[in-house]
PDB file of N, CA and C in Angstrom:
ATOM      1  N   MET A   1      85.735 102.279 -15.327  1.00  0.00           N
ATOM      2  CA  MET A   1      86.710 103.332 -15.131  1.00  0.00           C
ATOM      3  C   MET A   1      87.464 103.542 -16.439  1.00  0.00           C
ATOM      4  N   ARG A   2      87.377 104.728 -16.940  1.00  0.00           N
ATOM      5  CA  ARG A   2      87.995 105.025 -18.227  1.00  0.00           C
ATOM      6  C   ARG A   2      89.513 104.938 -18.148  1.00  0.00           C
ATOM      7  N   GLY A   3      90.075 104.384 -19.205  1.00  0.00           N
ATOM      8  CA  GLY A   3      91.528 104.338 -19.321  1.00  0.00           C
ATOM      9  C   GLY A   3      92.170 103.139 -18.663  1.00  0.00           C
ATOM     10  N   THR A   4      91.389 102.208 -18.122  1.00  0.00           N
ATOM     11  CA  THR A   4      91.979 101.050 -17.457  1.00  0.00           C
ATOM     12  C   THR A   4      92.116  99.855 -18.384  1.00  0.00           C
ATOM     13  N   GLY A   5      91.605  99.944 -19.590  1.00  0.00           N
ATOM     14  CA  GLY A   5      91.651  98.817 -20.508  1.00  0.00           C
ATOM     15  C   GLY A   5      90.503  97.870 -20.221  1.00  0.00           C
ATOM     16  N   LEU A   6      90.690  96.589 -20.540  1.00  0.00           N
ATOM     17  CA  LEU A   6      89.662  95.588 -20.269  1.00  0.00           C
ATOM     18  C   LEU A   6      89.882  95.004 -18.881  1.00  0.00           C
ATOM     19  N   VAL A   7      88.940  95.228 -18.006  1.00  0.00           N
ATOM     20  CA  VAL A   7      89.002  94.667 -16.659  1.00  0.00           C
ATOM     21  C   VAL A   7      87.893  93.625 -16.578  1.00  0.00           C
ATOM     22  N   ALA A   8      88.256  92.365 -16.737  1.00  0.00           N
ATOM     23  CA  ALA A   8      87.280  91.280 -16.728  1.00  0.00           C
ATOM     24  C   ALA A   8      88.001  89.978 -16.433  1.00  0.00           C
ATOM     25  N   ALA A   9      87.235  88.946 -16.150  1.00  0.00           N
ATOM     26  CA  ALA A   9      87.797  87.610 -15.987  1.00  0.00           C
ATOM     27  C   ALA A   9      88.313  87.128 -17.339  1.00  0.00           C
ATOM     28  N   GLY A  10      89.040  86.027 -17.335  1.00  0.00           N
ATOM     29  CA  GLY A  10      89.701  85.539 -18.547  1.00  0.00           C
ATOM     30  C   GLY A  10      88.785  85.307 -19.733  1.00  0.00           C
ATOM     31  N   ALA A  11      87.731  84.493 -19.550  1.00  0.00           N
ATOM     32  CA  ALA A  11      86.847  84.145 -20.670  1.00  0.00           C
ATOM     33  C   ALA A  11      86.057  85.347 -21.181  1.00  0.00           C
ATOM     34  N   PRO A  12      85.410  86.129 -20.321  1.00  0.00           N
ATOM     35  CA  PRO A  12      84.697  87.295 -20.841  1.00  0.00           C
ATOM     36  C   PRO A  12      85.630  88.329 -21.465  1.00  0.00           C
ATOM     37  N   LYS A  13      86.859  88.382 -20.975  1.00  0.00           N
ATOM     38  CA  LYS A  13      87.828  89.320 -21.541  1.00  0.00           C
ATOM     39  C   LYS A  13      88.091  88.997 -23.007  1.00  0.00           C
ATOM     40  N   LYS A  14      88.236  87.705 -23.320  1.00  0.00           N
ATOM     41  CA  LYS A  14      88.433  87.289 -24.718  1.00  0.00           C
ATOM     42  C   LYS A  14      87.216  87.650 -25.567  1.00  0.00           C
ATOM     43  N   LEU A  15      86.023  87.428 -25.024  1.00  0.00           N
ATOM     44  CA  LEU A  15      84.790  87.741 -25.750  1.00  0.00           C
ATOM     45  C   LEU A  15      84.681  89.237 -26.012  1.00  0.00           C
ATOM     46  N   LEU A  16      85.041  90.056 -25.033  1.00  0.00           N
ATOM     47  CA  LEU A  16      85.003  91.509 -25.209  1.00  0.00           C
ATOM     48  C   LEU A  16      86.049  91.965 -26.224  1.00  0.00           C
ATOM     49  N   GLN A  17      87.207  91.300 -26.241  1.00  0.00           N
ATOM     50  CA  GLN A  17      88.229  91.632 -27.238  1.00  0.00           C
ATOM     51  C   GLN A  17      87.734  91.294 -28.643  1.00  0.00           C
ATOM     52  N   PHE A  18      87.071  90.144 -28.788  1.00  0.00           N
ATOM     53  CA  PHE A  18      86.515  89.771 -30.093  1.00  0.00           C
ATOM     54  C   PHE A  18      85.450  90.759 -30.545  1.00  0.00           C
ATOM     55  N   ALA A  19      84.729  91.354 -29.591  1.00  0.00           N
ATOM     56  CA  ALA A  19      83.702  92.337 -29.918  1.00  0.00           C
ATOM     57  C   ALA A  19      84.308  93.681 -30.299  1.00  0.00           C
ATOM     58  N   GLY A  20      85.605  93.853 -30.068  1.00  0.00           N
ATOM     59  CA  GLY A  20      86.276  95.085 -30.460  1.00  0.00           C
ATOM     60  C   GLY A  20      86.375  96.119 -29.358  1.00  0.00           C
ATOM     61  N   LEU A  21      86.037  95.761 -28.140  1.00  0.00           N
ATOM     62  CA  LEU A  21      86.136  96.704 -27.036  1.00  0.00           C
ATOM     63  C   LEU A  21      87.570  96.787 -26.539  1.00  0.00           C
ATOM     64  N   GLN A  22      87.981  97.988 -26.213  1.00  0.00           N
ATOM     65  CA  GLN A  22      89.344  98.189 -25.726  1.00  0.00           C
ATOM     66  C   GLN A  22      89.356  98.720 -24.301  1.00  0.00           C
ATOM     67  N   ASP A  23      88.265  99.309 -23.855  1.00  0.00           N
ATOM     68  CA  ASP A  23      88.205  99.913 -22.531  1.00  0.00           C
ATOM     69  C   ASP A  23      86.860  99.562 -21.906  1.00  0.00           C
ATOM     70  N   CYS A  24      86.863  98.612 -20.965  1.00  0.00           N
ATOM     71  CA  CYS A  24      85.620  98.154 -20.364  1.00  0.00           C
ATOM     72  C   CYS A  24      85.913  97.620 -18.965  1.00  0.00           C
ATOM     73  N   TYR A  25      85.080  98.009 -18.005  1.00  0.00           N
ATOM     74  CA  TYR A  25      85.188  97.512 -16.635  1.00  0.00           C
ATOM     75  C   TYR A  25      83.976  96.635 -16.364  1.00  0.00           C
ATOM     76  N   THR A  26      84.202  95.417 -15.918  1.00  0.00           N
ATOM     77  CA  THR A  26      83.094  94.503 -15.668  1.00  0.00           C
ATOM     78  C   THR A  26      83.075  94.075 -14.207  1.00  0.00           C
ATOM     79  N   SER A  27      81.915  93.658 -13.772  1.00  0.00           N
ATOM     80  CA  SER A  27      81.774  93.043 -12.454  1.00  0.00           C
ATOM     81  C   SER A  27      80.650  92.029 -12.544  1.00  0.00           C
ATOM     82  N   SER A  28      80.677  91.050 -11.671  1.00  0.00           N
ATOM     83  CA  SER A  28      79.637  90.025 -11.688  1.00  0.00           C
ATOM     84  C   SER A  28      79.222  89.701 -10.268  1.00  0.00           C
ATOM     85  N   THR A  29      77.987  89.252 -10.150  1.00  0.00           N
ATOM     86  CA  THR A  29      77.474  88.809  -8.866  1.00  0.00           C
ATOM     87  C   THR A  29      76.864  87.433  -9.065  1.00  0.00           C
ATOM     88  N   GLY A  30      76.849  86.649  -8.040  1.00  0.00           N
ATOM     89  CA  GLY A  30      76.273  85.321  -8.157  1.00  0.00           C
ATOM     90  C   GLY A  30      77.314  84.302  -8.570  1.00  0.00           C
ATOM     91  N   HIS A  31      76.856  83.222  -9.188  1.00  0.00           N
ATOM     92  CA  HIS A  31      77.741  82.116  -9.556  1.00  0.00           C
ATOM     93  C   HIS A  31      78.294  82.326 -10.963  1.00  0.00           C
ATOM     94  N   THR A  32      79.609  82.310 -11.071  1.00  0.00           N
ATOM     95  CA  THR A  32      80.258  82.460 -12.377  1.00  0.00           C
ATOM     96  C   THR A  32      81.107  81.235 -12.699  1.00  0.00           C
ATOM     97  N   ARG A  33      80.903  80.165 -11.959  1.00  0.00           N
ATOM     98  CA  ARG A  33      81.722  78.971 -12.162  1.00  0.00           C
ATOM     99  C   ARG A  33      81.374  78.280 -13.478  1.00  0.00           C
ATOM    100  N   THR A  34      80.112  78.304 -13.861  1.00  0.00           N
ATOM    101  CA  THR A  34      79.696  77.687 -15.118  1.00  0.00           C
ATOM    102  C   THR A  34      80.064  78.633 -16.249  1.00  0.00           C
ATOM    103  N   LYS A  35      81.147  78.299 -16.944  1.00  0.00           N
ATOM    104  CA  LYS A  35      81.706  79.202 -17.950  1.00  0.00           C
ATOM    105  C   LYS A  35      80.745  79.466 -19.102  1.00  0.00           C
ATOM    106  N   GLY A  36      79.978  78.464 -19.499  1.00  0.00           N
ATOM    107  CA  GLY A  36      79.036  78.638 -20.601  1.00  0.00           C
ATOM    108  C   GLY A  36      77.965  79.667 -20.277  1.00  0.00           C
ATOM    109  N   ASN A  37      77.398  79.561 -19.080  1.00  0.00           N
ATOM    110  CA  ASN A  37      76.371  80.526 -18.673  1.00  0.00           C
ATOM    111  C   ASN A  37      76.965  81.915 -18.497  1.00  0.00           C
ATOM    112  N   PHE A  38      78.190  81.962 -17.980  1.00  0.00           N
ATOM    113  CA  PHE A  38      78.873  83.240 -17.772  1.00  0.00           C
ATOM    114  C   PHE A  38      79.120  83.937 -19.113  1.00  0.00           C
ATOM    115  N   LEU A  39      79.551  83.185 -20.115  1.00  0.00           N
ATOM    116  CA  LEU A  39      79.787  83.765 -21.442  1.00  0.00           C
ATOM    117  C   LEU A  39      78.479  84.150 -22.122  1.00  0.00           C
ATOM    118  N   LYS A  40      77.423  83.349 -21.893  1.00  0.00           N
ATOM    119  CA  LYS A  40      76.123  83.684 -22.470  1.00  0.00           C
ATOM    120  C   LYS A  40      75.600  84.983 -21.876  1.00  0.00           C
ATOM    121  N   ALA A  41      75.791  85.166 -20.576  1.00  0.00           N
ATOM    122  CA  ALA A  41      75.363  86.410 -19.931  1.00  0.00           C
ATOM    123  C   ALA A  41      76.169  87.593 -20.455  1.00  0.00           C
ATOM    124  N   THR A  42      77.466  87.385 -20.687  1.00  0.00           N
ATOM    125  CA  THR A  42      78.304  88.450 -21.252  1.00  0.00           C
ATOM    126  C   THR A  42      77.854  88.805 -22.655  1.00  0.00           C
ATOM    127  N   LEU A  43      77.552  87.806 -23.457  1.00  0.00           N
ATOM    128  CA  LEU A  43      77.089  88.045 -24.824  1.00  0.00           C
ATOM    129  C   LEU A  43      75.742  88.769 -24.830  1.00  0.00           C
ATOM    130  N   THR A  44      74.847  88.397 -23.923  1.00  0.00           N
ATOM    131  CA  THR A  44      73.555  89.074 -23.821  1.00  0.00           C
ATOM    132  C   THR A  44      73.737  90.535 -23.436  1.00  0.00           C
ATOM    133  N   ALA A  45      74.663  90.795 -22.518  1.00  0.00           N
ATOM    134  CA  ALA A  45      74.943  92.181 -22.129  1.00  0.00           C
ATOM    135  C   ALA A  45      75.507  92.971 -23.308  1.00  0.00           C
ATOM    136  N   LEU A  46      76.364  92.352 -24.109  1.00  0.00           N
ATOM    137  CA  LEU A  46      76.901  93.023 -25.298  1.00  0.00           C
ATOM    138  C   LEU A  46      75.798  93.330 -26.301  1.00  0.00           C
ATOM    139  N   GLU A  47      74.898  92.371 -26.513  1.00  0.00           N
ATOM    140  CA  GLU A  47      73.801  92.584 -27.460  1.00  0.00           C
ATOM    141  C   GLU A  47      72.925  93.753 -27.022  1.00  0.00           C
ATOM    142  N   LYS A  48      72.644  93.834 -25.726  1.00  0.00           N
ATOM    143  CA  LYS A  48      71.803  94.920 -25.236  1.00  0.00           C
ATOM    144  C   LYS A  48      72.517  96.258 -25.301  1.00  0.00           C
ATOM    145  N   SER A  49      73.816  96.269 -25.060  1.00  0.00           N
ATOM    146  CA  SER A  49      74.533  97.543 -25.066  1.00  0.00           C
ATOM    147  C   SER A  49      74.749  98.063 -26.480  1.00  0.00           C
ATOM    148  N   PHE A  50      74.829  97.188 -27.472  1.00  0.00           N
ATOM    149  CA  PHE A  50      75.020  97.642 -28.839  1.00  0.00           C
ATOM    150  C   PHE A  50      73.709  98.101 -29.460  1.00  0.00           C
ATOM    151  N   GLY A  51      72.616  98.041 -28.729  1.00  0.00           N
ATOM    152  CA  GLY A  51      71.349  98.579 -29.202  1.00  0.00           C
ATOM    153  C   GLY A  51      71.305 100.089 -29.088  1.00  0.00           C
ATOM    154  N   PHE A  52      72.235 100.665 -28.352  1.00  0.00           N
ATOM    155  CA  PHE A  52      72.297 102.106 -28.164  1.00  0.00           C
ATOM    156  C   PHE A  52      73.399 102.678 -29.034  1.00  0.00           C
ATOM    157  N   LEU A  53      73.144 103.801 -29.665  1.00  0.00           N
ATOM    158  CA  LEU A  53      74.162 104.463 -30.478  1.00  0.00           C
ATOM    159  C   LEU A  53      74.770 105.605 -29.686  1.00  0.00           C
ATOM    160  N   SER A  54      76.062 105.573 -29.574  1.00  0.00           N
ATOM    161  CA  SER A  54      76.743 106.686 -28.925  1.00  0.00           C
ATOM    162  C   SER A  54      76.937 107.804 -29.952  1.00  0.00           C
ATOM    163  N   PRO A  55      77.155 109.024 -29.521  1.00  0.00           N
ATOM    164  CA  PRO A  55      77.269 110.144 -30.463  1.00  0.00           C
ATOM    165  C   PRO A  55      78.341 109.955 -31.531  1.00  0.00           C
ATOM    166  N   ASP A  56      79.397 109.206 -31.248  1.00  0.00           N
ATOM    167  CA  ASP A  56      80.424 109.011 -32.269  1.00  0.00           C
ATOM    168  C   ASP A  56      79.949 108.088 -33.390  1.00  0.00           C
ATOM    169  N   LEU A  57      78.848 107.393 -33.210  1.00  0.00           N
ATOM    170  CA  LEU A  57      78.300 106.519 -34.245  1.00  0.00           C
ATOM    171  C   LEU A  57      77.133 107.138 -35.003  1.00  0.00           C
ATOM    172  N   TRP A  58      76.747 108.357 -34.655  1.00  0.00           N
ATOM    173  CA  TRP A  58      75.587 108.988 -35.272  1.00  0.00           C
ATOM    174  C   TRP A  58      75.809 109.300 -36.741  1.00  0.00           C
ATOM    175  N   GLY A  59      76.973 109.766 -37.109  1.00  0.00           N
ATOM    176  CA  GLY A  59      77.228 110.144 -38.488  1.00  0.00           C
ATOM    177  C   GLY A  59      76.680 111.527 -38.804  1.00  0.00           C
ATOM    178  N   GLU A  60      76.849 111.934 -40.045  1.00  0.00           N
ATOM    179  CA  GLU A  60      76.396 113.250 -40.485  1.00  0.00           C
ATOM    180  C   GLU A  60      75.020 113.133 -41.128  1.00  0.00           C
ATOM    181  N   HIS A  61      74.159 114.088 -40.832  1.00  0.00           N
ATOM    182  CA  HIS A  61      72.815 114.109 -41.404  1.00  0.00           C
ATOM    183  C   HIS A  61      72.497 115.514 -41.901  1.00  0.00           C
ATOM    184  N   ASP A  62      71.753 115.583 -42.973  1.00  0.00           N
ATOM    185  CA  ASP A  62      71.243 116.859 -43.460  1.00  0.00           C
ATOM    186  C   ASP A  62      69.810 116.983 -42.980  1.00  0.00           C
ATOM    187  N   TYR A  63      69.632 117.755 -41.929  1.00  0.00           N
ATOM    188  CA  TYR A  63      68.307 117.930 -41.368  1.00  0.00           C
ATOM    189  C   TYR A  63      67.572 119.029 -42.121  1.00  0.00           C
ATOM    190  N   LEU A  64      66.260 118.906 -42.195  1.00  0.00           N
ATOM    191  CA  LEU A  64      65.442 119.919 -42.840  1.00  0.00           C
ATOM    192  C   LEU A  64      65.339 121.138 -41.930  1.00  0.00           C
ATOM    193  N   ASP A  65      65.235 122.295 -42.542  1.00  0.00           N
ATOM    194  CA  ASP A  65      65.059 123.512 -41.762  1.00  0.00           C
ATOM    195  C   ASP A  65      63.633 123.581 -41.244  1.00  0.00           C
ATOM    196  N   HIS A  66      63.500 124.119 -40.069  1.00  0.00           N
ATOM    197  CA  HIS A  66      62.174 124.314 -39.493  1.00  0.00           C
ATOM    198  C   HIS A  66      61.510 125.464 -40.235  1.00  0.00           C
ATOM    199  N   PRO A  67      60.223 125.369 -40.515  1.00  0.00           N
ATOM    200  CA  PRO A  67      59.564 126.425 -41.295  1.00  0.00           C
ATOM    201  C   PRO A  67      59.611 127.797 -40.635  1.00  0.00           C
ATOM    202  N   TYR A  68      59.705 127.856 -39.335  1.00  0.00           N
ATOM    203  CA  TYR A  68      59.745 129.143 -38.652  1.00  0.00           C
ATOM    204  C   TYR A  68      61.152 129.728 -38.572  1.00  0.00           C
ATOM    205  N   ASP A  69      62.160 128.925 -38.901  1.00  0.00           N
ATOM    206  CA  ASP A  69      63.528 129.437 -38.902  1.00  0.00           C
ATOM    207  C   ASP A  69      63.817 130.082 -40.246  1.00  0.00           C
ATOM    208  N   LYS A  70      64.126 131.372 -40.221  1.00  0.00           N
ATOM    209  CA  LYS A  70      64.475 132.078 -41.447  1.00  0.00           C
ATOM    210  C   LYS A  70      65.914 132.540 -41.333  1.00  0.00           C
ATOM    211  N   PRO A  71      66.620 132.585 -42.432  1.00  0.00           N
ATOM    212  CA  PRO A  71      67.980 133.112 -42.385  1.00  0.00           C
ATOM    213  C   PRO A  71      67.979 134.566 -41.915  1.00  0.00           C
ATOM    214  N   GLU A  72      69.080 134.987 -41.382  1.00  0.00           N
ATOM    215  CA  GLU A  72      69.189 136.340 -40.830  1.00  0.00           C
ATOM    216  C   GLU A  72      68.924 137.420 -41.884  1.00  0.00           C
ATOM    217  N   ASN A  73      69.316 137.180 -43.135  1.00  0.00           N
ATOM    218  CA  ASN A  73      69.168 138.214 -44.159  1.00  0.00           C
ATOM    219  C   ASN A  73      67.755 138.265 -44.744  1.00  0.00           C
ATOM    220  N   GLN A  74      66.864 137.361 -44.339  1.00  0.00           N
ATOM    221  CA  GLN A  74      65.503 137.366 -44.870  1.00  0.00           C
ATOM    222  C   GLN A  74      64.470 137.639 -43.796  1.00  0.00           C
ATOM    223  N   LYS A  75      64.837 138.302 -42.739  1.00  0.00           N
ATOM    224  CA  LYS A  75      63.871 138.617 -41.686  1.00  0.00           C
ATOM    225  C   LYS A  75      62.873 139.651 -42.198  1.00  0.00           C
ATOM    226  N   GLU A  76      61.632 139.511 -41.752  1.00  0.00           N
ATOM    227  CA  GLU A  76      60.601 140.451 -42.169  1.00  0.00           C
ATOM    228  C   GLU A  76      60.782 141.765 -41.431  1.00  0.00           C
ATOM    229  N   GLU A  77      60.556 142.848 -42.159  1.00  0.00           N
ATOM    230  CA  GLU A  77      60.636 144.166 -41.539  1.00  0.00           C
ATOM    231  C   GLU A  77      59.320 144.437 -40.831  1.00  0.00           C
ATOM    232  N   PRO A  78      59.349 145.128 -39.706  1.00  0.00           N
ATOM    233  CA  PRO A  78      58.086 145.432 -39.023  1.00  0.00           C
ATOM    234  C   PRO A  78      57.211 146.317 -39.899  1.00  0.00           C
ATOM    235  N   LYS A  79      55.924 146.045 -39.886  1.00  0.00           N
ATOM    236  CA  LYS A  79      54.983 146.828 -40.676  1.00  0.00           C
ATOM    237  C   LYS A  79      54.772 148.189 -40.041  1.00  0.00           C
ATOM    238  N   LYS A  80      54.752 149.196 -40.887  1.00  0.00           N
ATOM    239  CA  LYS A  80      54.537 150.564 -40.394  1.00  0.00           C
ATOM    240  C   LYS A  80      53.054 150.863 -40.388  1.00  0.00           C
ATOM    241  N   LEU A  81      52.610 151.496 -39.366  1.00  0.00           N
ATOM    242  CA  LEU A  81      51.210 151.851 -39.216  1.00  0.00           C
ATOM    243  C   LEU A  81      50.997 153.251 -39.785  1.00  0.00           C
ATOM    244  N   ASP A  82      50.090 153.340 -40.741  1.00  0.00           N
ATOM    245  CA  ASP A  82      49.780 154.651 -41.333  1.00  0.00           C
ATOM    246  C   ASP A  82      48.561 155.211 -40.628  1.00  0.00           C
ATOM    247  N   ILE A  83      48.762 156.208 -39.807  1.00  0.00           N
ATOM    248  CA  ILE A  83      47.665 156.754 -39.021  1.00  0.00           C
ATOM    249  C   ILE A  83      46.800 157.734 -39.836  1.00  0.00           C
ATOM    250  N   ARG A  84      47.267 158.147 -41.011  1.00  0.00           N
ATOM    251  CA  ARG A  84      46.481 159.063 -41.831  1.00  0.00           C
ATOM    252  C   ARG A  84      45.329 158.349 -42.517  1.00  0.00           C
ATOM    253  N   ALA A  85      45.386 157.036 -42.604  1.00  0.00           N
ATOM    254  CA  ALA A  85      44.342 156.307 -43.320  1.00  0.00           C
ATOM    255  C   ALA A  85      43.089 156.126 -42.470  1.00  0.00           C
ATOM    256  N   VAL A  86      43.106 156.530 -41.231  1.00  0.00           N
ATOM    257  CA  VAL A  86      41.959 156.317 -40.344  1.00  0.00           C
ATOM    258  C   VAL A  86      40.910 157.370 -40.539  1.00  0.00           C
TER     259      VAL A  86
END
């Protein structure tokens, strides 16, 4: 849920803060009593999520123009058919 800050248990919350996250909602299923395994699972989830680039991380790129895209001022004029040449 956006805008709620870090919603997590104590140990994963610290790990998410160290990762630089400020707004994250977490949930867990199963056994979370073993803190080491719980933190390892949190770290694995962070590693997998940082494999994706969000649009704010894309940066600026100079893309090449497509060969079929011509500027508006360089459009070809339609060819005129000369019927007298027949």
